[in-house]
Amino acid sequence: MGKEMSSVKLFESKKIRSVWNEDEEKWYFSIVDVIEVLTDSPTPRQYWSKVKQREFVELELSPIWVQLKLLSSDGKYYKTDCANTEGIFRLIQSIPSPKAEPFKRWLAKVGYERIQEIENPEIASKRMREIYQAKGYSDEWIEKRMRGIAVRDELTGEWDKRGVKEEREFSILTAEISKATFGMTPAEYKEFKGLEKENLRDHMTDLELIFTMLGEASTTELARVKDAQGFIENKTAAKLGGEVAGSARKDLEYKTGKKITTDENYIEMPEKVKRLKGKK
């Protein structure tokens, strides 16, 4: 498959991991996630295993799935059975579910929205803002989060150009930046905040987001200036970039007498709770 972009979509508040394939211009969805949504099964992997066996033995249909690397709840990427929209429609026919028709409409909407976003990237930005606003985030926080996404995209694009290709390597480099910036890897930071499957950055304060951006922007600049090539050289740049942000964080903590890192997650923060109550 060609160049891919991972994403998470929501159907009735349930997460469905997905990958956009630029060459084919198609979404691929995690089959296990789709089955969990359609069946509410506590063991969707076992359910899918039985469906697969029936596909081969009884229905004699050609496979509808491919294996793509998707992010798991442990923060690592694993090969996962995925199917494009046409494949998911075939899967739905094999699974009796009252959610089948609403899910078909959702699939069509997701595909249409992606085409809109490709033609006009501002639509994607607007939709993202609306999602965060609906969750109770402030406009100021959203601005920083959106800017952080742009900074992150610039960094990963730079890594890709410089020979860092594997998702595992991306994770290691990200951990280097985080460790040097905050004294914690992303996994340790999530544990510190009491998070499990949630996105760490969606639960950062304004200052945590700012120092995350500083670490990643510094790493991008250092990789360019030093012309870092390959994983090892970019790992050095990542550590140095994180140290720039880490030094700035420690300096601010010293001068204010307040810690930047907090075990609060954004859902529990007083200002967000207040805004959500105000909407009721």
C-alpha atoms as a PDB file:
ATOM      1  CA  MET A   1       0.000   0.000   0.000  1.00  0.00           C
ATOM      2  CA  GLY A   2       1.064   3.597  -0.520  1.00  0.00           C
ATOM      3  CA  LYS A   3       1.519   6.425   1.942  1.00  0.00           C
ATOM      4  CA  GLU A   4      -0.853   6.105   4.902  1.00  0.00           C
ATOM      5  CA  MET A   5      -2.201   8.412   7.590  1.00  0.00           C
ATOM      6  CA  SER A   6      -3.565   6.965  10.826  1.00  0.00           C
ATOM      7  CA  SER A   7      -6.620   8.402  12.525  1.00  0.00           C
ATOM      8  CA  VAL A   8      -9.319   7.561  15.057  1.00  0.00           C
ATOM      9  CA  LYS A   9     -12.992   8.024  14.171  1.00  0.00           C
ATOM     10  CA  LEU A  10     -15.923   8.042  16.566  1.00  0.00           C
ATOM     11  CA  PHE A  11     -19.201   6.201  16.034  1.00  0.00           C
ATOM     12  CA  GLU A  12     -21.649   6.682  18.893  1.00  0.00           C
ATOM     13  CA  SER A  13     -18.699   7.713  21.109  1.00  0.00           C
ATOM     14  CA  LYS A  14     -16.818   4.489  20.345  1.00  0.00           C
ATOM     15  CA  LYS A  15     -13.361   4.642  18.777  1.00  0.00           C
ATOM     16  CA  ILE A  16     -12.670   3.087  15.398  1.00  0.00           C
ATOM     17  CA  ARG A  17      -9.029   3.114  14.347  1.00  0.00           C
ATOM     18  CA  SER A  18      -8.551   3.956  10.706  1.00  0.00           C
ATOM     19  CA  VAL A  19      -5.891   4.548   8.069  1.00  0.00           C
ATOM     20  CA  TRP A  20      -6.200   6.782   5.016  1.00  0.00           C
ATOM     21  CA  ASN A  21      -4.348   5.434   2.000  1.00  0.00           C
ATOM     22  CA  GLU A  22      -3.347   8.333  -0.233  1.00  0.00           C
ATOM     23  CA  ASP A  23      -2.588   6.219  -3.313  1.00  0.00           C
ATOM     24  CA  GLU A  24      -5.972   4.517  -3.287  1.00  0.00           C
ATOM     25  CA  GLU A  25      -7.778   7.497  -1.727  1.00  0.00           C
ATOM     26  CA  LYS A  26      -9.624   5.130   0.596  1.00  0.00           C
ATOM     27  CA  TRP A  27     -10.123   4.679   4.316  1.00  0.00           C
ATOM     28  CA  TYR A  28      -9.170   1.344   5.893  1.00  0.00           C
ATOM     29  CA  PHE A  29     -10.865   0.553   9.219  1.00  0.00           C
ATOM     30  CA  SER A  30      -9.903  -1.795  12.043  1.00  0.00           C
ATOM     31  CA  ILE A  31     -12.236  -4.768  11.658  1.00  0.00           C
ATOM     32  CA  VAL A  32     -12.085  -5.655  15.346  1.00  0.00           C
ATOM     33  CA  ASP A  33     -13.165  -2.114  16.271  1.00  0.00           C
ATOM     34  CA  VAL A  34     -16.051  -2.274  13.796  1.00  0.00           C
ATOM     35  CA  ILE A  35     -17.202  -5.634  15.180  1.00  0.00           C
ATOM     36  CA  GLU A  36     -17.086  -4.288  18.728  1.00  0.00           C
ATOM     37  CA  VAL A  37     -19.328  -1.389  17.667  1.00  0.00           C
ATOM     38  CA  LEU A  38     -21.797  -3.572  15.752  1.00  0.00           C
ATOM     39  CA  THR A  39     -22.081  -6.411  18.255  1.00  0.00           C
ATOM     40  CA  ASP A  40     -21.096  -4.950  21.639  1.00  0.00           C
ATOM     41  CA  SER A  41     -19.165  -8.196  22.022  1.00  0.00           C
ATOM     42  CA  PRO A  42     -16.780  -8.331  25.011  1.00  0.00           C
ATOM     43  CA  THR A  43     -14.468 -10.463  22.864  1.00  0.00           C
ATOM     44  CA  PRO A  44     -14.497  -8.879  19.374  1.00  0.00           C
ATOM     45  CA  ARG A  45     -11.249 -10.618  18.352  1.00  0.00           C
ATOM     46  CA  GLN A  46     -12.766 -14.045  18.938  1.00  0.00           C
ATOM     47  CA  TYR A  47     -15.919 -12.971  17.129  1.00  0.00           C
ATOM     48  CA  TRP A  48     -13.845 -11.863  14.111  1.00  0.00           C
ATOM     49  CA  SER A  49     -11.899 -15.121  14.162  1.00  0.00           C
ATOM     50  CA  LYS A  50     -15.161 -17.073  13.802  1.00  0.00           C
ATOM     51  CA  VAL A  51     -16.399 -14.776  11.028  1.00  0.00           C
ATOM     52  CA  LYS A  52     -13.109 -15.210   9.147  1.00  0.00           C
ATOM     53  CA  GLN A  53     -13.357 -18.977   9.395  1.00  0.00           C
ATOM     54  CA  ARG A  54     -16.926 -18.881   8.091  1.00  0.00           C
ATOM     55  CA  GLU A  55     -15.862 -16.582   5.231  1.00  0.00           C
ATOM     56  CA  PHE A  56     -13.359 -19.206   4.072  1.00  0.00           C
ATOM     57  CA  VAL A  57     -15.220 -22.436   4.803  1.00  0.00           C
ATOM     58  CA  GLU A  58     -18.911 -21.649   4.281  1.00  0.00           C
ATOM     59  CA  LEU A  59     -19.198 -18.508   2.201  1.00  0.00           C
ATOM     60  CA  GLU A  60     -16.137 -19.188   0.034  1.00  0.00           C
ATOM     61  CA  LEU A  61     -15.488 -15.455  -0.309  1.00  0.00           C
ATOM     62  CA  SER A  62     -12.114 -13.953  -1.059  1.00  0.00           C
ATOM     63  CA  PRO A  63     -10.501 -12.145   1.899  1.00  0.00           C
ATOM     64  CA  ILE A  64     -11.776  -8.605   2.448  1.00  0.00           C
ATOM     65  CA  TRP A  65      -8.950  -7.599   4.770  1.00  0.00           C
ATOM     66  CA  VAL A  66      -5.320  -6.530   4.762  1.00  0.00           C
ATOM     67  CA  GLN A  67      -2.978  -6.173   7.705  1.00  0.00           C
ATOM     68  CA  LEU A  68      -1.897  -2.631   8.588  1.00  0.00           C
ATOM     69  CA  LYS A  69      -0.035  -1.283  11.596  1.00  0.00           C
ATOM     70  CA  LEU A  70      -2.383   0.488  14.015  1.00  0.00           C
ATOM     71  CA  LEU A  71      -1.792   2.008  17.427  1.00  0.00           C
ATOM     72  CA  SER A  72      -2.845  -0.269  20.291  1.00  0.00           C
ATOM     73  CA  SER A  73      -3.914   0.654  23.822  1.00  0.00           C
ATOM     74  CA  ASP A  74      -0.368  -0.039  25.068  1.00  0.00           C
ATOM     75  CA  GLY A  75       0.988   2.772  22.882  1.00  0.00           C
ATOM     76  CA  LYS A  76       2.649   0.407  20.386  1.00  0.00           C
ATOM     77  CA  TYR A  77       1.849  -0.362  16.755  1.00  0.00           C
ATOM     78  CA  TYR A  78       0.722  -3.855  15.732  1.00  0.00           C
ATOM     79  CA  LYS A  79      -0.390  -5.411  12.470  1.00  0.00           C
ATOM     80  CA  THR A  80      -4.174  -5.358  12.534  1.00  0.00           C
ATOM     81  CA  ASP A  81      -6.806  -6.751  10.173  1.00  0.00           C
ATOM     82  CA  CYS A  82      -8.321  -3.810   8.288  1.00  0.00           C
ATOM     83  CA  ALA A  83     -10.815  -3.430   5.462  1.00  0.00           C
ATOM     84  CA  ASN A  84     -11.770  -0.550   3.195  1.00  0.00           C
ATOM     85  CA  THR A  85     -15.323   0.773   3.001  1.00  0.00           C
ATOM     86  CA  GLU A  86     -16.409  -1.841   0.454  1.00  0.00           C
ATOM     87  CA  GLY A  87     -14.980  -4.604   2.633  1.00  0.00           C
ATOM     88  CA  ILE A  88     -16.728  -3.270   5.717  1.00  0.00           C
ATOM     89  CA  PHE A  89     -20.043  -3.255   3.829  1.00  0.00           C
ATOM     90  CA  ARG A  90     -19.500  -6.948   3.055  1.00  0.00           C
ATOM     91  CA  LEU A  91     -18.637  -7.592   6.690  1.00  0.00           C
ATOM     92  CA  ILE A  92     -21.847  -5.911   7.843  1.00  0.00           C
ATOM     93  CA  GLN A  93     -23.839  -8.334   5.683  1.00  0.00           C
ATOM     94  CA  SER A  94     -22.284 -11.213   7.646  1.00  0.00           C
ATOM     95  CA  ILE A  95     -23.104  -9.738  11.061  1.00  0.00           C
ATOM     96  CA  PRO A  96     -26.727  -9.289  12.171  1.00  0.00           C
ATOM     97  CA  SER A  97     -26.872  -5.977  14.031  1.00  0.00           C
ATOM     98  CA  PRO A  98     -29.494  -3.266  14.666  1.00  0.00           C
ATOM     99  CA  LYS A  99     -26.668  -0.775  14.153  1.00  0.00           C
ATOM    100  CA  ALA A 100     -25.995  -1.921  10.583  1.00  0.00           C
ATOM    101  CA  GLU A 101     -27.942   0.833   8.792  1.00  0.00           C
ATOM    102  CA  PRO A 102     -26.730   3.727  11.008  1.00  0.00           C
ATOM    103  CA  PHE A 103     -23.185   2.408  10.584  1.00  0.00           C
ATOM    104  CA  LYS A 104     -23.521   2.284   6.783  1.00  0.00           C
ATOM    105  CA  ARG A 105     -24.646   5.923   6.808  1.00  0.00           C
ATOM    106  CA  TRP A 106     -21.715   6.781   9.080  1.00  0.00           C
ATOM    107  CA  LEU A 107     -19.259   5.112   6.673  1.00  0.00           C
ATOM    108  CA  ALA A 108     -20.624   7.091   3.741  1.00  0.00           C
ATOM    109  CA  LYS A 109     -20.377  10.321   5.739  1.00  0.00           C
ATOM    110  CA  VAL A 110     -16.770   9.617   6.773  1.00  0.00           C
ATOM    111  CA  GLY A 111     -15.778   8.994   3.151  1.00  0.00           C
ATOM    112  CA  TYR A 112     -17.517  12.135   1.905  1.00  0.00           C
ATOM    113  CA  GLU A 113     -15.962  14.296   4.629  1.00  0.00           C
ATOM    114  CA  ARG A 114     -12.483  13.026   3.785  1.00  0.00           C
ATOM    115  CA  ILE A 115     -12.908  14.030   0.135  1.00  0.00           C
ATOM    116  CA  GLN A 116     -14.028  17.482   1.283  1.00  0.00           C
ATOM    117  CA  GLU A 117     -10.987  17.797   3.555  1.00  0.00           C
ATOM    118  CA  ILE A 118      -8.581  16.880   0.750  1.00  0.00           C
ATOM    119  CA  GLU A 119     -10.118  19.502  -1.516  1.00  0.00           C
ATOM    120  CA  ASN A 120     -10.197  22.129   1.248  1.00  0.00           C
ATOM    121  CA  PRO A 121      -7.895  21.508   4.289  1.00  0.00           C
ATOM    122  CA  GLU A 122      -9.608  24.346   6.167  1.00  0.00           C
ATOM    123  CA  ILE A 123     -12.669  22.112   6.528  1.00  0.00           C
ATOM    124  CA  ALA A 124     -10.620  19.539   8.450  1.00  0.00           C
ATOM    125  CA  SER A 125      -9.317  22.262  10.744  1.00  0.00           C
ATOM    126  CA  LYS A 126     -12.823  23.595  11.345  1.00  0.00           C
ATOM    127  CA  ARG A 127     -14.187  20.124  12.141  1.00  0.00           C
ATOM    128  CA  MET A 128     -11.379  19.479  14.597  1.00  0.00           C
ATOM    129  CA  ARG A 129     -12.085  22.751  16.392  1.00  0.00           C
ATOM    130  CA  GLU A 130     -15.779  21.892  16.620  1.00  0.00           C
ATOM    131  CA  ILE A 131     -15.003  18.486  18.131  1.00  0.00           C
ATOM    132  CA  TYR A 132     -12.796  20.019  20.830  1.00  0.00           C
ATOM    133  CA  GLN A 133     -15.346  22.754  21.537  1.00  0.00           C
ATOM    134  CA  ALA A 134     -18.069  20.138  21.978  1.00  0.00           C
ATOM    135  CA  LYS A 135     -15.853  18.392  24.520  1.00  0.00           C
ATOM    136  CA  GLY A 136     -15.595  21.596  26.563  1.00  0.00           C
ATOM    137  CA  TYR A 137     -12.126  22.849  25.692  1.00  0.00           C
ATOM    138  CA  SER A 138     -11.479  26.601  25.656  1.00  0.00           C
ATOM    139  CA  ASP A 139     -10.696  28.427  22.407  1.00  0.00           C
ATOM    140  CA  GLU A 140      -7.274  29.347  23.812  1.00  0.00           C
ATOM    141  CA  TRP A 141      -6.452  25.709  24.554  1.00  0.00           C
ATOM    142  CA  ILE A 142      -7.710  24.628  21.120  1.00  0.00           C
ATOM    143  CA  GLU A 143      -5.411  27.159  19.423  1.00  0.00           C
ATOM    144  CA  LYS A 144      -2.399  25.654  21.199  1.00  0.00           C
ATOM    145  CA  ARG A 145      -3.513  22.098  20.464  1.00  0.00           C
ATOM    146  CA  MET A 146      -3.971  22.870  16.775  1.00  0.00           C
ATOM    147  CA  ARG A 147      -0.589  24.559  16.606  1.00  0.00           C
ATOM    148  CA  GLY A 148       0.937  21.578  18.382  1.00  0.00           C
ATOM    149  CA  ILE A 149      -0.484  19.248  15.736  1.00  0.00           C
ATOM    150  CA  ALA A 150       1.119  21.380  13.004  1.00  0.00           C
ATOM    151  CA  VAL A 151       4.480  21.363  14.827  1.00  0.00           C
ATOM    152  CA  ARG A 152       4.270  17.581  15.238  1.00  0.00           C
ATOM    153  CA  ASP A 153       3.424  17.069  11.561  1.00  0.00           C
ATOM    154  CA  GLU A 154       6.416  19.193  10.549  1.00  0.00           C
ATOM    155  CA  LEU A 155       8.695  17.120  12.776  1.00  0.00           C
ATOM    156  CA  THR A 156       7.483  13.721  11.534  1.00  0.00           C
ATOM    157  CA  GLY A 157       7.738  14.974   7.961  1.00  0.00           C
ATOM    158  CA  GLU A 158      11.347  15.932   8.628  1.00  0.00           C
ATOM    159  CA  TRP A 159      12.077  12.518  10.161  1.00  0.00           C
ATOM    160  CA  ASP A 160      10.569  10.806   7.136  1.00  0.00           C
ATOM    161  CA  LYS A 161      12.807  12.811   4.785  1.00  0.00           C
ATOM    162  CA  ARG A 162      15.844  11.953   6.916  1.00  0.00           C
ATOM    163  CA  GLY A 163      15.466   8.196   6.812  1.00  0.00           C
ATOM    164  CA  VAL A 164      13.344   7.518   9.889  1.00  0.00           C
ATOM    165  CA  LYS A 165      10.589   5.282   8.524  1.00  0.00           C
ATOM    166  CA  GLU A 166       9.403   2.785  11.134  1.00  0.00           C
ATOM    167  CA  GLU A 167       6.611   3.683  13.567  1.00  0.00           C
ATOM    168  CA  ARG A 168       8.679   2.086  16.334  1.00  0.00           C
ATOM    169  CA  GLU A 169      11.520   4.506  15.592  1.00  0.00           C
ATOM    170  CA  PHE A 170       9.095   7.446  15.642  1.00  0.00           C
ATOM    171  CA  SER A 171       7.932   6.300  19.085  1.00  0.00           C
ATOM    172  CA  ILE A 172      11.486   6.023  20.407  1.00  0.00           C
ATOM    173  CA  LEU A 173      12.418   9.504  19.146  1.00  0.00           C
ATOM    174  CA  THR A 174       9.236  10.968  20.622  1.00  0.00           C
ATOM    175  CA  ALA A 175      10.072   9.333  23.949  1.00  0.00           C
ATOM    176  CA  GLU A 176      13.573  10.897  23.833  1.00  0.00           C
ATOM    177  CA  ILE A 177      12.091  14.379  23.397  1.00  0.00           C
ATOM    178  CA  SER A 178       9.506  13.864  26.134  1.00  0.00           C
ATOM    179  CA  LYS A 179      12.038  12.421  28.590  1.00  0.00           C
ATOM    180  CA  ALA A 180      14.386  15.377  28.100  1.00  0.00           C
ATOM    181  CA  THR A 181      11.527  17.910  28.229  1.00  0.00           C
ATOM    182  CA  PHE A 182       9.493  16.614  31.167  1.00  0.00           C
ATOM    183  CA  GLY A 183      11.604  13.862  32.734  1.00  0.00           C
ATOM    184  CA  MET A 184       9.030  11.288  31.593  1.00  0.00           C
ATOM    185  CA  THR A 185       8.375   9.252  28.469  1.00  0.00           C
ATOM    186  CA  PRO A 186       4.821   9.528  27.031  1.00  0.00           C
ATOM    187  CA  ALA A 187       3.916   6.177  28.612  1.00  0.00           C
ATOM    188  CA  GLU A 188       5.178   7.347  32.016  1.00  0.00           C
ATOM    189  CA  TYR A 189       3.394  10.671  31.565  1.00  0.00           C
ATOM    190  CA  LYS A 190       0.086   8.915  30.849  1.00  0.00           C
ATOM    191  CA  GLU A 191       0.491   6.833  33.984  1.00  0.00           C
ATOM    192  CA  PHE A 192       1.349  10.002  35.928  1.00  0.00           C
ATOM    193  CA  LYS A 193      -1.927  11.576  34.761  1.00  0.00           C
ATOM    194  CA  GLY A 194      -3.974   8.425  35.345  1.00  0.00           C
ATOM    195  CA  LEU A 195      -4.744   7.933  31.642  1.00  0.00           C
ATOM    196  CA  GLU A 196      -5.173   4.649  29.793  1.00  0.00           C
ATOM    197  CA  LYS A 197      -6.360   4.716  26.171  1.00  0.00           C
ATOM    198  CA  GLU A 198      -6.818   8.498  26.083  1.00  0.00           C
ATOM    199  CA  ASN A 199      -4.612  10.775  23.991  1.00  0.00           C
ATOM    200  CA  LEU A 200      -1.984  12.287  26.301  1.00  0.00           C
ATOM    201  CA  ARG A 201      -1.866  15.673  24.561  1.00  0.00           C
ATOM    202  CA  ASP A 202      -5.635  16.065  24.823  1.00  0.00           C
ATOM    203  CA  HIS A 203      -5.138  16.062  28.589  1.00  0.00           C
ATOM    204  CA  MET A 204      -2.276  18.519  28.863  1.00  0.00           C
ATOM    205  CA  THR A 205      -2.496  22.031  30.288  1.00  0.00           C
ATOM    206  CA  ASP A 206      -1.644  25.065  28.169  1.00  0.00           C
ATOM    207  CA  LEU A 207       1.938  25.152  29.463  1.00  0.00           C
ATOM    208  CA  GLU A 208       2.440  21.420  29.001  1.00  0.00           C
ATOM    209  CA  LEU A 209       1.368  21.821  25.374  1.00  0.00           C
ATOM    210  CA  ILE A 210       3.689  24.810  24.910  1.00  0.00           C
ATOM    211  CA  PHE A 211       6.757  22.957  26.213  1.00  0.00           C
ATOM    212  CA  THR A 212       5.825  19.902  24.116  1.00  0.00           C
ATOM    213  CA  MET A 213       5.792  22.159  21.059  1.00  0.00           C
ATOM    214  CA  LEU A 214       9.100  23.751  22.051  1.00  0.00           C
ATOM    215  CA  GLY A 215      10.780  20.345  22.344  1.00  0.00           C
ATOM    216  CA  GLU A 216       9.499  19.173  18.972  1.00  0.00           C
ATOM    217  CA  ALA A 217      10.134  22.457  17.144  1.00  0.00           C
ATOM    218  CA  SER A 218      13.681  22.543  18.575  1.00  0.00           C
ATOM    219  CA  THR A 219      14.260  18.973  17.419  1.00  0.00           C
ATOM    220  CA  THR A 220      13.101  19.846  13.893  1.00  0.00           C
ATOM    221  CA  GLU A 221      15.457  22.822  13.751  1.00  0.00           C
ATOM    222  CA  LEU A 222      18.423  20.851  15.120  1.00  0.00           C
ATOM    223  CA  ALA A 223      17.830  17.996  12.661  1.00  0.00           C
ATOM    224  CA  ARG A 224      17.967  20.518   9.827  1.00  0.00           C
ATOM    225  CA  VAL A 225      20.983  22.468  11.084  1.00  0.00           C
ATOM    226  CA  LYS A 226      22.973  19.312  11.824  1.00  0.00           C
ATOM    227  CA  ASP A 227      21.636  17.561   8.713  1.00  0.00           C
ATOM    228  CA  ALA A 228      20.825  14.517  10.832  1.00  0.00           C
ATOM    229  CA  GLN A 229      20.478  11.351   8.747  1.00  0.00           C
ATOM    230  CA  GLY A 230      19.063   8.033   9.886  1.00  0.00           C
ATOM    231  CA  PHE A 231      17.754   6.918  13.244  1.00  0.00           C
ATOM    232  CA  ILE A 232      20.905   7.336  15.371  1.00  0.00           C
ATOM    233  CA  GLU A 233      21.667  10.913  14.329  1.00  0.00           C
ATOM    234  CA  ASN A 234      18.024  11.928  14.687  1.00  0.00           C
ATOM    235  CA  LYS A 235      17.914  10.333  18.136  1.00  0.00           C
ATOM    236  CA  THR A 236      20.764  12.651  19.165  1.00  0.00           C
ATOM    237  CA  ALA A 237      18.878  15.638  17.727  1.00  0.00           C
ATOM    238  CA  ALA A 238      15.718  14.538  19.567  1.00  0.00           C
ATOM    239  CA  LYS A 239      17.524  14.429  22.888  1.00  0.00           C
ATOM    240  CA  LEU A 240      19.093  17.858  22.300  1.00  0.00           C
ATOM    241  CA  GLY A 241      15.768  19.337  21.224  1.00  0.00           C
ATOM    242  CA  GLY A 242      14.097  17.966  24.335  1.00  0.00           C
ATOM    243  CA  GLU A 243      16.892  19.396  26.489  1.00  0.00           C
ATOM    244  CA  VAL A 244      16.207  22.885  25.081  1.00  0.00           C
ATOM    245  CA  ALA A 245      12.583  22.615  26.227  1.00  0.00           C
ATOM    246  CA  GLY A 246      13.580  20.903  29.485  1.00  0.00           C
ATOM    247  CA  SER A 247      15.949  23.727  30.416  1.00  0.00           C
ATOM    248  CA  ALA A 248      13.264  26.320  29.674  1.00  0.00           C
ATOM    249  CA  ARG A 249      10.728  24.373  31.756  1.00  0.00           C
ATOM    250  CA  LYS A 250      13.066  24.130  34.743  1.00  0.00           C
ATOM    251  CA  ASP A 251      13.893  27.839  34.490  1.00  0.00           C
ATOM    252  CA  LEU A 252      10.198  28.780  34.563  1.00  0.00           C
ATOM    253  CA  GLU A 253       9.526  26.401  37.444  1.00  0.00           C
ATOM    254  CA  TYR A 254      12.420  27.946  39.406  1.00  0.00           C
ATOM    255  CA  LYS A 255      11.235  31.511  38.801  1.00  0.00           C
ATOM    256  CA  THR A 256       7.548  30.838  39.507  1.00  0.00           C
ATOM    257  CA  GLY A 257       7.960  28.220  42.214  1.00  0.00           C
ATOM    258  CA  LYS A 258       5.332  26.108  40.420  1.00  0.00           C
ATOM    259  CA  LYS A 259       5.648  22.748  38.664  1.00  0.00           C
ATOM    260  CA  ILE A 260       4.724  22.659  34.972  1.00  0.00           C
ATOM    261  CA  THR A 261       3.937  18.949  34.937  1.00  0.00           C
ATOM    262  CA  THR A 262       0.686  18.122  36.681  1.00  0.00           C
ATOM    263  CA  ASP A 263      -1.088  14.861  37.414  1.00  0.00           C
ATOM    264  CA  GLU A 264      -4.388  16.524  36.519  1.00  0.00           C
ATOM    265  CA  ASN A 265      -5.847  15.564  33.177  1.00  0.00           C
ATOM    266  CA  TYR A 266      -7.786  18.139  31.208  1.00  0.00           C
ATOM    267  CA  ILE A 267     -11.154  16.434  31.699  1.00  0.00           C
ATOM    268  CA  GLU A 268     -10.909  17.007  35.457  1.00  0.00           C
ATOM    269  CA  MET A 269      -9.594  20.575  35.383  1.00  0.00           C
ATOM    270  CA  PRO A 270     -11.872  23.104  37.111  1.00  0.00           C
ATOM    271  CA  GLU A 271     -12.145  25.531  34.167  1.00  0.00           C
ATOM    272  CA  LYS A 272     -13.312  22.735  31.831  1.00  0.00           C
ATOM    273  CA  VAL A 273     -15.834  21.340  34.335  1.00  0.00           C
ATOM    274  CA  LYS A 274     -17.227  24.859  34.787  1.00  0.00           C
ATOM    275  CA  ARG A 275     -17.678  25.353  31.035  1.00  0.00           C
ATOM    276  CA  LEU A 276     -19.420  21.997  30.622  1.00  0.00           C
ATOM    277  CA  LYS A 277     -21.827  22.781  33.469  1.00  0.00           C
ATOM    278  CA  GLY A 278     -22.564  26.137  31.847  1.00  0.00           C
ATOM    279  CA  LYS A 279     -23.694  24.400  28.665  1.00  0.00           C
ATOM    280  CA  LYS A 280     -26.370  22.350  30.454  1.00  0.00           C
END
